[in-house]
Amino acid sequence: MDQQHFIKNIDFAKVLELASLVDYQDGRVVSRTLAQGKPLSLTLFAFDKNEEISSHSAPGDAMVYILDGEAEVTIGNEKFQLKAGETIVMPANIPHGLVANERFKMLLIVVFSLK
């Protein structure tokens, strides 16, 4: 019987550097989904300079952890400058977006209600 895994697209029982699991590509946003569904999604992203995710709202709280580079995060009407090693939480149902001031990589963790 196969063992069930809840995390995908990543090696198990191996020490990894998250930032190395997604590569930059010119003029693109690259993503690698590690888990998706309720109550949680985990996705790695690599943004080329000036690439963005335009303002939108989502039904879950979204935590961004910057792995490399710098990004501008907008939550509601506030703008935040984040660099590698920093994190911010974007509350559910509040418009938010991201833009790459320079190339950056992030881990996005979204937590949804089970209701």
PDB file of N, CA and C in Angstrom:
ATOM      1  N   MET A   1       0.848  -1.184   0.000  1.00  0.00           N
ATOM      2  CA  MET A   1       0.000   0.000   0.000  1.00  0.00           C
ATOM      3  C   MET A   1       0.891   1.244   0.000  1.00  0.00           C
ATOM      4  N   ASP A   2       0.615   2.162  -0.915  1.00  0.00           N
ATOM      5  CA  ASP A   2       1.392   3.389  -0.994  1.00  0.00           C
ATOM      6  C   ASP A   2       1.091   4.301   0.183  1.00  0.00           C
ATOM      7  N   GLN A   3       2.138   4.974   0.639  1.00  0.00           N
ATOM      8  CA  GLN A   3       1.965   5.952   1.716  1.00  0.00           C
ATOM      9  C   GLN A   3       1.364   7.218   1.124  1.00  0.00           C
ATOM     10  N   GLN A   4       0.380   7.793   1.809  1.00  0.00           N
ATOM     11  CA  GLN A   4      -0.261   9.019   1.327  1.00  0.00           C
ATOM     12  C   GLN A   4       0.599  10.229   1.716  1.00  0.00           C
ATOM     13  N   HIS A   5       0.809  11.124   0.756  1.00  0.00           N
ATOM     14  CA  HIS A   5       1.547  12.361   1.007  1.00  0.00           C
ATOM     15  C   HIS A   5       0.622  13.542   0.802  1.00  0.00           C
ATOM     16  N   PHE A   6       0.771  14.538   1.650  1.00  0.00           N
ATOM     17  CA  PHE A   6      -0.053  15.747   1.571  1.00  0.00           C
ATOM     18  C   PHE A   6       0.724  16.903   0.955  1.00  0.00           C
ATOM     19  N   ILE A   7       2.039  16.801   0.955  1.00  0.00           N
ATOM     20  CA  ILE A   7       2.910  17.788   0.313  1.00  0.00           C
ATOM     21  C   ILE A   7       3.447  17.140  -0.954  1.00  0.00           C
ATOM     22  N   LYS A   8       3.533  17.925  -2.039  1.00  0.00           N
ATOM     23  CA  LYS A   8       3.953  17.380  -3.334  1.00  0.00           C
ATOM     24  C   LYS A   8       5.056  18.251  -3.935  1.00  0.00           C
ATOM     25  N   ASN A   9       5.631  17.766  -5.010  1.00  0.00           N
ATOM     26  CA  ASN A   9       6.628  18.510  -5.796  1.00  0.00           C
ATOM     27  C   ASN A   9       7.862  18.896  -4.994  1.00  0.00           C
ATOM     28  N   ILE A  10       8.220  18.057  -4.021  1.00  0.00           N
ATOM     29  CA  ILE A  10       9.384  18.320  -3.178  1.00  0.00           C
ATOM     30  C   ILE A  10       9.900  16.981  -2.660  1.00  0.00           C
ATOM     31  N   ASP A  11      11.204  16.858  -2.474  1.00  0.00           N
ATOM     32  CA  ASP A  11      11.775  15.625  -1.942  1.00  0.00           C
ATOM     33  C   ASP A  11      11.466  15.495  -0.460  1.00  0.00           C
ATOM     34  N   PHE A  12      11.226  14.265  -0.031  1.00  0.00           N
ATOM     35  CA  PHE A  12      10.980  13.971   1.375  1.00  0.00           C
ATOM     36  C   PHE A  12      12.277  13.478   2.028  1.00  0.00           C
ATOM     37  N   ALA A  13      12.381  13.698   3.324  1.00  0.00           N
ATOM     38  CA  ALA A  13      13.514  13.221   4.122  1.00  0.00           C
ATOM     39  C   ALA A  13      14.843  13.653   3.515  1.00  0.00           C
ATOM     40  N   LYS A  14      14.912  14.912   3.098  1.00  0.00           N
ATOM     41  CA  LYS A  14      16.115  15.475   2.496  1.00  0.00           C
ATOM     42  C   LYS A  14      16.189  16.953   2.884  1.00  0.00           C
ATOM     43  N   VAL A  15      17.370  17.412   3.273  1.00  0.00           N
ATOM     44  CA  VAL A  15      17.548  18.816   3.625  1.00  0.00           C
ATOM     45  C   VAL A  15      17.557  19.637   2.333  1.00  0.00           C
ATOM     46  N   LEU A  16      16.708  20.668   2.289  1.00  0.00           N
ATOM     47  CA  LEU A  16      16.553  21.479   1.086  1.00  0.00           C
ATOM     48  C   LEU A  16      16.635  22.961   1.425  1.00  0.00           C
ATOM     49  N   GLU A  17      17.060  23.750   0.467  1.00  0.00           N
ATOM     50  CA  GLU A  17      17.006  25.201   0.573  1.00  0.00           C
ATOM     51  C   GLU A  17      15.812  25.647  -0.267  1.00  0.00           C
ATOM     52  N   LEU A  18      14.778  26.200   0.386  1.00  0.00           N
ATOM     53  CA  LEU A  18      13.539  26.548  -0.317  1.00  0.00           C
ATOM     54  C   LEU A  18      13.770  27.413  -1.545  1.00  0.00           C
ATOM     55  N   ALA A  19      14.619  28.424  -1.419  1.00  0.00           N
ATOM     56  CA  ALA A  19      14.832  29.355  -2.530  1.00  0.00           C
ATOM     57  C   ALA A  19      15.367  28.653  -3.780  1.00  0.00           C
ATOM     58  N   SER A  20      16.041  27.536  -3.605  1.00  0.00           N
ATOM     59  CA  SER A  20      16.616  26.834  -4.764  1.00  0.00           C
ATOM     60  C   SER A  20      15.581  25.977  -5.493  1.00  0.00           C
ATOM     61  N   LEU A  21      14.374  25.862  -4.952  1.00  0.00           N
ATOM     62  CA  LEU A  21      13.357  24.995  -5.548  1.00  0.00           C
ATOM     63  C   LEU A  21      12.523  25.671  -6.629  1.00  0.00           C
ATOM     64  N   VAL A  22      12.756  26.962  -6.840  1.00  0.00           N
ATOM     65  CA  VAL A  22      12.057  27.695  -7.899  1.00  0.00           C
ATOM     66  C   VAL A  22      13.072  28.649  -8.523  1.00  0.00           C
ATOM     67  N   ASP A  23      13.100  28.688  -9.861  1.00  0.00           N
ATOM     68  CA  ASP A  23      14.108  29.474 -10.576  1.00  0.00           C
ATOM     69  C   ASP A  23      13.512  30.727 -11.201  1.00  0.00           C
ATOM     70  N   TYR A  24      14.323  31.774 -11.273  1.00  0.00           N
ATOM     71  CA  TYR A  24      13.914  32.994 -11.964  1.00  0.00           C
ATOM     72  C   TYR A  24      13.856  32.741 -13.465  1.00  0.00           C
ATOM     73  N   GLN A  25      12.885  33.397 -14.127  1.00  0.00           N
ATOM     74  CA  GLN A  25      12.821  33.396 -15.585  1.00  0.00           C
ATOM     75  C   GLN A  25      12.514  34.826 -16.028  1.00  0.00           C
ATOM     76  N   ASP A  26      13.225  35.278 -17.062  1.00  0.00           N
ATOM     77  CA  ASP A  26      13.046  36.646 -17.556  1.00  0.00           C
ATOM     78  C   ASP A  26      11.595  36.916 -17.914  1.00  0.00           C
ATOM     79  N   GLY A  27      11.053  38.028 -17.372  1.00  0.00           N
ATOM     80  CA  GLY A  27       9.718  38.480 -17.719  1.00  0.00           C
ATOM     81  C   GLY A  27       8.584  37.605 -17.221  1.00  0.00           C
ATOM     82  N   ARG A  28       8.849  36.770 -16.209  1.00  0.00           N
ATOM     83  CA  ARG A  28       7.826  35.821 -15.772  1.00  0.00           C
ATOM     84  C   ARG A  28       7.727  35.729 -14.260  1.00  0.00           C
ATOM     85  N   VAL A  29       6.584  35.226 -13.833  1.00  0.00           N
ATOM     86  CA  VAL A  29       6.380  34.777 -12.457  1.00  0.00           C
ATOM     87  C   VAL A  29       6.314  33.260 -12.536  1.00  0.00           C
ATOM     88  N   VAL A  30       7.179  32.582 -11.787  1.00  0.00           N
ATOM     89  CA  VAL A  30       7.243  31.128 -11.789  1.00  0.00           C
ATOM     90  C   VAL A  30       6.742  30.631 -10.436  1.00  0.00           C
ATOM     91  N   SER A  31       5.925  29.593 -10.448  1.00  0.00           N
ATOM     92  CA  SER A  31       5.417  29.055  -9.180  1.00  0.00           C
ATOM     93  C   SER A  31       5.610  27.548  -9.108  1.00  0.00           C
ATOM     94  N   ARG A  32       5.674  27.066  -7.881  1.00  0.00           N
ATOM     95  CA  ARG A  32       5.769  25.626  -7.614  1.00  0.00           C
ATOM     96  C   ARG A  32       4.868  25.334  -6.424  1.00  0.00           C
ATOM     97  N   THR A  33       3.765  24.648  -6.680  1.00  0.00           N
ATOM     98  CA  THR A  33       2.804  24.333  -5.632  1.00  0.00           C
ATOM     99  C   THR A  33       3.309  23.148  -4.816  1.00  0.00           C
ATOM    100  N   LEU A  34       3.335  23.323  -3.495  1.00  0.00           N
ATOM    101  CA  LEU A  34       3.761  22.258  -2.592  1.00  0.00           C
ATOM    102  C   LEU A  34       2.574  21.575  -1.914  1.00  0.00           C
ATOM    103  N   ALA A  35       1.498  22.325  -1.704  1.00  0.00           N
ATOM    104  CA  ALA A  35       0.265  21.764  -1.136  1.00  0.00           C
ATOM    105  C   ALA A  35      -0.870  22.699  -1.517  1.00  0.00           C
ATOM    106  N   GLN A  36      -2.040  22.114  -1.799  1.00  0.00           N
ATOM    107  CA  GLN A  36      -3.167  22.954  -2.183  1.00  0.00           C
ATOM    108  C   GLN A  36      -4.462  22.310  -1.731  1.00  0.00           C
ATOM    109  N   GLY A  37      -5.292  23.104  -1.073  1.00  0.00           N
ATOM    110  CA  GLY A  37      -6.584  22.622  -0.614  1.00  0.00           C
ATOM    111  C   GLY A  37      -6.928  23.261   0.709  1.00  0.00           C
ATOM    112  N   LYS A  38      -8.037  22.812   1.294  1.00  0.00           N
ATOM    113  CA  LYS A  38      -8.401  23.321   2.607  1.00  0.00           C
ATOM    114  C   LYS A  38      -7.832  22.363   3.629  1.00  0.00           C
ATOM    115  N   PRO A  39      -7.258  22.861   4.676  1.00  0.00           N
ATOM    116  CA  PRO A  39      -7.284  24.245   5.146  1.00  0.00           C
ATOM    117  C   PRO A  39      -6.062  25.066   4.761  1.00  0.00           C
ATOM    118  N   LEU A  40      -5.181  24.562   3.850  1.00  0.00           N
ATOM    119  CA  LEU A  40      -3.880  25.192   3.662  1.00  0.00           C
ATOM    120  C   LEU A  40      -3.386  25.044   2.231  1.00  0.00           C
ATOM    121  N   SER A  41      -2.706  26.096   1.738  1.00  0.00           N
ATOM    122  CA  SER A  41      -1.948  25.949   0.496  1.00  0.00           C
ATOM    123  C   SER A  41      -0.555  26.516   0.718  1.00  0.00           C
ATOM    124  N   LEU A  42       0.429  25.872   0.100  1.00  0.00           N
ATOM    125  CA  LEU A  42       1.830  26.298   0.164  1.00  0.00           C
ATOM    126  C   LEU A  42       2.339  26.406  -1.263  1.00  0.00           C
ATOM    127  N   THR A  43       2.865  27.574  -1.631  1.00  0.00           N
ATOM    128  CA  THR A  43       3.373  27.767  -2.990  1.00  0.00           C
ATOM    129  C   THR A  43       4.649  28.593  -2.944  1.00  0.00           C
ATOM    130  N   LEU A  44       5.653  28.153  -3.685  1.00  0.00           N
ATOM    131  CA  LEU A  44       6.882  28.924  -3.870  1.00  0.00           C
ATOM    132  C   LEU A  44       6.739  29.734  -5.154  1.00  0.00           C
ATOM    133  N   PHE A  45       7.234  30.973  -5.122  1.00  0.00           N
ATOM    134  CA  PHE A  45       7.186  31.848  -6.294  1.00  0.00           C
ATOM    135  C   PHE A  45       8.552  32.470  -6.541  1.00  0.00           C
ATOM    136  N   ALA A  46       8.872  32.709  -7.807  1.00  0.00           N
ATOM    137  CA  ALA A  46      10.024  33.507  -8.224  1.00  0.00           C
ATOM    138  C   ALA A  46       9.507  34.560  -9.201  1.00  0.00           C
ATOM    139  N   PHE A  47       9.715  35.828  -8.879  1.00  0.00           N
ATOM    140  CA  PHE A  47       9.253  36.951  -9.694  1.00  0.00           C
ATOM    141  C   PHE A  47      10.445  37.627 -10.342  1.00  0.00           C
ATOM    142  N   ASP A  48      10.372  37.858 -11.643  1.00  0.00           N
ATOM    143  CA  ASP A  48      11.367  38.702 -12.291  1.00  0.00           C
ATOM    144  C   ASP A  48      11.066  40.151 -11.918  1.00  0.00           C
ATOM    145  N   LYS A  49      12.059  41.022 -12.043  1.00  0.00           N
ATOM    146  CA  LYS A  49      11.883  42.446 -11.716  1.00  0.00           C
ATOM    147  C   LYS A  49      10.686  43.021 -12.468  1.00  0.00           C
ATOM    148  N   ASN A  50       9.888  43.809 -11.761  1.00  0.00           N
ATOM    149  CA  ASN A  50       8.692  44.502 -12.269  1.00  0.00           C
ATOM    150  C   ASN A  50       7.492  43.593 -12.518  1.00  0.00           C
ATOM    151  N   GLU A  51       7.619  42.288 -12.286  1.00  0.00           N
ATOM    152  CA  GLU A  51       6.457  41.412 -12.393  1.00  0.00           C
ATOM    153  C   GLU A  51       5.594  41.590 -11.151  1.00  0.00           C
ATOM    154  N   GLU A  52       4.312  41.244 -11.250  1.00  0.00           N
ATOM    155  CA  GLU A  52       3.427  41.483 -10.119  1.00  0.00           C
ATOM    156  C   GLU A  52       2.247  40.529 -10.107  1.00  0.00           C
ATOM    157  N   ILE A  53       1.594  40.489  -8.957  1.00  0.00           N
ATOM    158  CA  ILE A  53       0.262  39.908  -8.822  1.00  0.00           C
ATOM    159  C   ILE A  53      -0.627  41.095  -8.485  1.00  0.00           C
ATOM    160  N   SER A  54      -1.542  41.418  -9.382  1.00  0.00           N
ATOM    161  CA  SER A  54      -2.364  42.613  -9.193  1.00  0.00           C
ATOM    162  C   SER A  54      -3.293  42.444  -7.994  1.00  0.00           C
ATOM    163  N   SER A  55      -3.797  43.562  -7.531  1.00  0.00           N
ATOM    164  CA  SER A  55      -4.634  43.579  -6.334  1.00  0.00           C
ATOM    165  C   SER A  55      -5.855  42.673  -6.499  1.00  0.00           C
ATOM    166  N   HIS A  56      -6.081  41.864  -5.479  1.00  0.00           N
ATOM    167  CA  HIS A  56      -7.208  40.941  -5.440  1.00  0.00           C
ATOM    168  C   HIS A  56      -7.489  40.619  -3.974  1.00  0.00           C
ATOM    169  N   SER A  57      -8.597  39.984  -3.695  1.00  0.00           N
ATOM    170  CA  SER A  57      -8.848  39.506  -2.337  1.00  0.00           C
ATOM    171  C   SER A  57      -9.031  38.003  -2.399  1.00  0.00           C
ATOM    172  N   ALA A  58      -8.817  37.355  -1.260  1.00  0.00           N
ATOM    173  CA  ALA A  58      -8.906  35.901  -1.190  1.00  0.00           C
ATOM    174  C   ALA A  58      -9.631  35.504   0.092  1.00  0.00           C
ATOM    175  N   PRO A  59     -10.234  34.321   0.101  1.00  0.00           N
ATOM    176  CA  PRO A  59     -11.018  33.906   1.263  1.00  0.00           C
ATOM    177  C   PRO A  59     -10.185  33.367   2.431  1.00  0.00           C
ATOM    178  N   GLY A  60      -8.855  33.375   2.316  1.00  0.00           N
ATOM    179  CA  GLY A  60      -8.001  32.887   3.402  1.00  0.00           C
ATOM    180  C   GLY A  60      -6.962  33.918   3.786  1.00  0.00           C
ATOM    181  N   ASP A  61      -6.418  33.797   5.006  1.00  0.00           N
ATOM    182  CA  ASP A  61      -5.294  34.631   5.428  1.00  0.00           C
ATOM    183  C   ASP A  61      -4.052  34.147   4.686  1.00  0.00           C
ATOM    184  N   ALA A  62      -3.311  35.087   4.097  1.00  0.00           N
ATOM    185  CA  ALA A  62      -2.142  34.737   3.291  1.00  0.00           C
ATOM    186  C   ALA A  62      -0.882  35.311   3.927  1.00  0.00           C
ATOM    187  N   MET A  63       0.078  34.447   4.224  1.00  0.00           N
ATOM    188  CA  MET A  63       1.351  34.877   4.786  1.00  0.00           C
ATOM    189  C   MET A  63       2.427  34.744   3.719  1.00  0.00           C
ATOM    190  N   VAL A  64       3.160  35.832   3.487  1.00  0.00           N
ATOM    191  CA  VAL A  64       4.253  35.854   2.524  1.00  0.00           C
ATOM    192  C   VAL A  64       5.561  35.880   3.305  1.00  0.00           C
ATOM    193  N   TYR A  65       6.475  34.984   2.955  1.00  0.00           N
ATOM    194  CA  TYR A  65       7.815  34.978   3.543  1.00  0.00           C
ATOM    195  C   TYR A  65       8.798  35.177   2.397  1.00  0.00           C
ATOM    196  N   ILE A  66       9.552  36.267   2.434  1.00  0.00           N
ATOM    197  CA  ILE A  66      10.493  36.597   1.361  1.00  0.00           C
ATOM    198  C   ILE A  66      11.767  35.770   1.545  1.00  0.00           C
ATOM    199  N   LEU A  67      12.104  34.977   0.539  1.00  0.00           N
ATOM    200  CA  LEU A  67      13.283  34.107   0.575  1.00  0.00           C
ATOM    201  C   LEU A  67      14.513  34.777  -0.027  1.00  0.00           C
ATOM    202  N   ASP A  68      14.293  35.679  -0.998  1.00  0.00           N
ATOM    203  CA  ASP A  68      15.392  36.304  -1.731  1.00  0.00           C
ATOM    204  C   ASP A  68      14.867  37.585  -2.357  1.00  0.00           C
ATOM    205  N   GLY A  69      15.694  38.624  -2.422  1.00  0.00           N
ATOM    206  CA  GLY A  69      15.313  39.855  -3.099  1.00  0.00           C
ATOM    207  C   GLY A  69      14.404  40.745  -2.278  1.00  0.00           C
ATOM    208  N   GLU A  70      13.654  41.609  -2.982  1.00  0.00           N
ATOM    209  CA  GLU A  70      12.778  42.584  -2.337  1.00  0.00           C
ATOM    210  C   GLU A  70      11.468  42.714  -3.102  1.00  0.00           C
ATOM    211  N   ALA A  71      10.401  43.016  -2.349  1.00  0.00           N
ATOM    212  CA  ALA A  71       9.083  43.170  -2.956  1.00  0.00           C
ATOM    213  C   ALA A  71       8.320  44.274  -2.249  1.00  0.00           C
ATOM    214  N   GLU A  72       7.379  44.856  -2.984  1.00  0.00           N
ATOM    215  CA  GLU A  72       6.435  45.788  -2.386  1.00  0.00           C
ATOM    216  C   GLU A  72       5.099  45.070  -2.277  1.00  0.00           C
ATOM    217  N   VAL A  73       4.568  45.033  -1.068  1.00  0.00           N
ATOM    218  CA  VAL A  73       3.289  44.371  -0.808  1.00  0.00           C
ATOM    219  C   VAL A  73       2.279  45.452  -0.456  1.00  0.00           C
ATOM    220  N   THR A  74       1.127  45.410  -1.096  1.00  0.00           N
ATOM    221  CA  THR A  74       0.045  46.345  -0.792  1.00  0.00           C
ATOM    222  C   THR A  74      -1.072  45.564  -0.115  1.00  0.00           C
ATOM    223  N   ILE A  75      -1.521  46.091   1.024  1.00  0.00           N
ATOM    224  CA  ILE A  75      -2.662  45.521   1.743  1.00  0.00           C
ATOM    225  C   ILE A  75      -3.629  46.668   1.975  1.00  0.00           C
ATOM    226  N   GLY A  76      -4.813  46.577   1.379  1.00  0.00           N
ATOM    227  CA  GLY A  76      -5.741  47.700   1.439  1.00  0.00           C
ATOM    228  C   GLY A  76      -5.089  48.894   0.770  1.00  0.00           C
ATOM    229  N   ASN A  77      -4.947  50.010   1.504  1.00  0.00           N
ATOM    230  CA  ASN A  77      -4.296  51.213   0.968  1.00  0.00           C
ATOM    231  C   ASN A  77      -2.867  51.389   1.466  1.00  0.00           C
ATOM    232  N   GLU A  78      -2.336  50.407   2.213  1.00  0.00           N
ATOM    233  CA  GLU A  78      -0.980  50.516   2.760  1.00  0.00           C
ATOM    234  C   GLU A  78       0.015  49.755   1.912  1.00  0.00           C
ATOM    235  N   LYS A  79       1.217  50.340   1.771  1.00  0.00           N
ATOM    236  CA  LYS A  79       2.303  49.692   1.032  1.00  0.00           C
ATOM    237  C   LYS A  79       3.422  49.350   2.008  1.00  0.00           C
ATOM    238  N   PHE A  80       4.004  48.162   1.830  1.00  0.00           N
ATOM    239  CA  PHE A  80       5.069  47.670   2.695  1.00  0.00           C
ATOM    240  C   PHE A  80       6.230  47.202   1.827  1.00  0.00           C
ATOM    241  N   GLN A  81       7.453  47.536   2.234  1.00  0.00           N
ATOM    242  CA  GLN A  81       8.654  47.083   1.543  1.00  0.00           C
ATOM    243  C   GLN A  81       9.234  45.924   2.336  1.00  0.00           C
ATOM    244  N   LEU A  82       9.366  44.765   1.698  1.00  0.00           N
ATOM    245  CA  LEU A  82       9.892  43.587   2.371  1.00  0.00           C
ATOM    246  C   LEU A  82      11.140  43.104   1.675  1.00  0.00           C
ATOM    247  N   LYS A  83      12.053  42.553   2.473  1.00  0.00           N
ATOM    248  CA  LYS A  83      13.287  41.987   1.932  1.00  0.00           C
ATOM    249  C   LYS A  83      13.471  40.582   2.489  1.00  0.00           C
ATOM    250  N   ALA A  84      14.472  39.879   1.971  1.00  0.00           N
ATOM    251  CA  ALA A  84      14.726  38.490   2.366  1.00  0.00           C
ATOM    252  C   ALA A  84      14.741  38.357   3.883  1.00  0.00           C
ATOM    253  N   GLY A  85      14.044  37.337   4.364  1.00  0.00           N
ATOM    254  CA  GLY A  85      13.977  37.065   5.792  1.00  0.00           C
ATOM    255  C   GLY A  85      12.786  37.699   6.489  1.00  0.00           C
ATOM    256  N   GLU A  86      12.020  38.524   5.763  1.00  0.00           N
ATOM    257  CA  GLU A  86      10.868  39.198   6.365  1.00  0.00           C
ATOM    258  C   GLU A  86       9.566  38.556   5.893  1.00  0.00           C
ATOM    259  N   THR A  87       8.529  38.752   6.708  1.00  0.00           N
ATOM    260  CA  THR A  87       7.225  38.169   6.412  1.00  0.00           C
ATOM    261  C   THR A  87       6.123  39.168   6.719  1.00  0.00           C
ATOM    262  N   ILE A  88       4.974  38.975   6.096  1.00  0.00           N
ATOM    263  CA  ILE A  88       3.797  39.800   6.362  1.00  0.00           C
ATOM    264  C   ILE A  88       2.563  38.936   6.124  1.00  0.00           C
ATOM    265  N   VAL A  89       1.492  39.235   6.869  1.00  0.00           N
ATOM    266  CA  VAL A  89       0.238  38.511   6.703  1.00  0.00           C
ATOM    267  C   VAL A  89      -0.784  39.430   6.057  1.00  0.00           C
ATOM    268  N   MET A  90      -1.397  38.940   4.994  1.00  0.00           N
ATOM    269  CA  MET A  90      -2.445  39.664   4.284  1.00  0.00           C
ATOM    270  C   MET A  90      -3.777  39.042   4.706  1.00  0.00           C
ATOM    271  N   PRO A  91      -4.618  39.799   5.432  1.00  0.00           N
ATOM    272  CA  PRO A  91      -5.857  39.223   5.964  1.00  0.00           C
ATOM    273  C   PRO A  91      -6.837  38.814   4.871  1.00  0.00           C
ATOM    274  N   ALA A  92      -7.621  37.798   5.186  1.00  0.00           N
ATOM    275  CA  ALA A  92      -8.661  37.325   4.275  1.00  0.00           C
ATOM    276  C   ALA A  92      -9.608  38.461   3.909  1.00  0.00           C
ATOM    277  N   ASN A  93     -10.060  38.440   2.663  1.00  0.00           N
ATOM    278  CA  ASN A  93     -11.094  39.352   2.149  1.00  0.00           C
ATOM    279  C   ASN A  93     -10.689  40.822   2.107  1.00  0.00           C
ATOM    280  N   ILE A  94      -9.398  41.127   2.259  1.00  0.00           N
ATOM    281  CA  ILE A  94      -8.877  42.495   2.120  1.00  0.00           C
ATOM    282  C   ILE A  94      -8.044  42.509   0.831  1.00  0.00           C
ATOM    283  N   PRO A  95      -8.275  43.476  -0.069  1.00  0.00           N
ATOM    284  CA  PRO A  95      -7.488  43.518  -1.305  1.00  0.00           C
ATOM    285  C   PRO A  95      -5.988  43.616  -1.016  1.00  0.00           C
ATOM    286  N   HIS A  96      -5.214  42.841  -1.757  1.00  0.00           N
ATOM    287  CA  HIS A  96      -3.758  42.849  -1.594  1.00  0.00           C
ATOM    288  C   HIS A  96      -3.102  42.505  -2.933  1.00  0.00           C
ATOM    289  N   GLY A  97      -1.847  42.901  -3.071  1.00  0.00           N
ATOM    290  CA  GLY A  97      -1.092  42.621  -4.280  1.00  0.00           C
ATOM    291  C   GLY A  97       0.394  42.704  -3.997  1.00  0.00           C
ATOM    292  N   LEU A  98       1.217  42.292  -4.971  1.00  0.00           N
ATOM    293  CA  LEU A  98       2.670  42.295  -4.826  1.00  0.00           C
ATOM    294  C   LEU A  98       3.304  42.772  -6.117  1.00  0.00           C
ATOM    295  N   VAL A  99       4.434  43.481  -5.985  1.00  0.00           N
ATOM    296  CA  VAL A  99       5.221  43.849  -7.160  1.00  0.00           C
ATOM    297  C   VAL A  99       6.699  43.666  -6.822  1.00  0.00           C
ATOM    298  N   ALA A 100       7.456  43.179  -7.798  1.00  0.00           N
ATOM    299  CA  ALA A 100       8.885  42.915  -7.611  1.00  0.00           C
ATOM    300  C   ALA A 100       9.688  44.184  -7.878  1.00  0.00           C
ATOM    301  N   ASN A 101      10.197  44.814  -6.818  1.00  0.00           N
ATOM    302  CA  ASN A 101      11.102  45.959  -6.971  1.00  0.00           C
ATOM    303  C   ASN A 101      12.387  45.501  -7.644  1.00  0.00           C
ATOM    304  N   GLU A 102      12.767  44.283  -7.344  1.00  0.00           N
ATOM    305  CA  GLU A 102      13.874  43.573  -7.982  1.00  0.00           C
ATOM    306  C   GLU A 102      13.428  42.117  -7.989  1.00  0.00           C
ATOM    307  N   ARG A 103      14.205  41.261  -8.605  1.00  0.00           N
ATOM    308  CA  ARG A 103      13.837  39.846  -8.567  1.00  0.00           C
ATOM    309  C   ARG A 103      13.651  39.411  -7.119  1.00  0.00           C
ATOM    310  N   PHE A 104      12.620  38.626  -6.864  1.00  0.00           N
ATOM    311  CA  PHE A 104      12.457  38.083  -5.517  1.00  0.00           C
ATOM    312  C   PHE A 104      11.771  36.726  -5.558  1.00  0.00           C
ATOM    313  N   LYS A 105      12.010  35.964  -4.485  1.00  0.00           N
ATOM    314  CA  LYS A 105      11.374  34.670  -4.295  1.00  0.00           C
ATOM    315  C   LYS A 105      10.629  34.704  -2.973  1.00  0.00           C
ATOM    316  N   MET A 106       9.492  34.005  -2.941  1.00  0.00           N
ATOM    317  CA  MET A 106       8.714  33.973  -1.707  1.00  0.00           C
ATOM    318  C   MET A 106       8.046  32.626  -1.524  1.00  0.00           C
ATOM    319  N   LEU A 107       7.747  32.336  -0.262  1.00  0.00           N
ATOM    320  CA  LEU A 107       6.883  31.221   0.096  1.00  0.00           C
ATOM    321  C   LEU A 107       5.558  31.837   0.494  1.00  0.00           C
ATOM    322  N   LEU A 108       4.482  31.397  -0.150  1.00  0.00           N
ATOM    323  CA  LEU A 108       3.139  31.875   0.167  1.00  0.00           C
ATOM    324  C   LEU A 108       2.395  30.754   0.892  1.00  0.00           C
ATOM    325  N   ILE A 109       1.912  31.091   2.088  1.00  0.00           N
ATOM    326  CA  ILE A 109       1.123  30.156   2.889  1.00  0.00           C
ATOM    327  C   ILE A 109      -0.265  30.763   3.046  1.00  0.00           C
ATOM    328  N   VAL A 110      -1.283  30.062   2.572  1.00  0.00           N
ATOM    329  CA  VAL A 110      -2.656  30.557   2.711  1.00  0.00           C
ATOM    330  C   VAL A 110      -3.416  29.569   3.594  1.00  0.00           C
ATOM    331  N   VAL A 111      -4.073  30.114   4.617  1.00  0.00           N
ATOM    332  CA  VAL A 111      -4.845  29.289   5.556  1.00  0.00           C
ATOM    333  C   VAL A 111      -6.318  29.649   5.379  1.00  0.00           C
ATOM    334  N   PHE A 112      -7.125  28.636   5.123  1.00  0.00           N
ATOM    335  CA  PHE A 112      -8.557  28.824   4.883  1.00  0.00           C
ATOM    336  C   PHE A 112      -9.376  28.292   6.056  1.00  0.00           C
ATOM    337  N   SER A 113     -10.587  28.794   6.171  1.00  0.00           N
ATOM    338  CA  SER A 113     -11.526  28.294   7.164  1.00  0.00           C
ATOM    339  C   SER A 113     -11.993  26.907   6.767  1.00  0.00           C
ATOM    340  N   LEU A 114     -12.224  26.067   7.735  1.00  0.00           N
ATOM    341  CA  LEU A 114     -12.762  24.734   7.459  1.00  0.00           C
ATOM    342  C   LEU A 114     -14.283  24.739   7.413  1.00  0.00           C
ATOM    343  N   LYS A 115     -14.891  25.873   7.726  1.00  0.00           N
ATOM    344  CA  LYS A 115     -16.371  25.969   7.731  1.00  0.00           C
ATOM    345  C   LYS A 115     -16.911  25.988   6.330  1.00  0.00           C
TER     346      LYS A 115
END
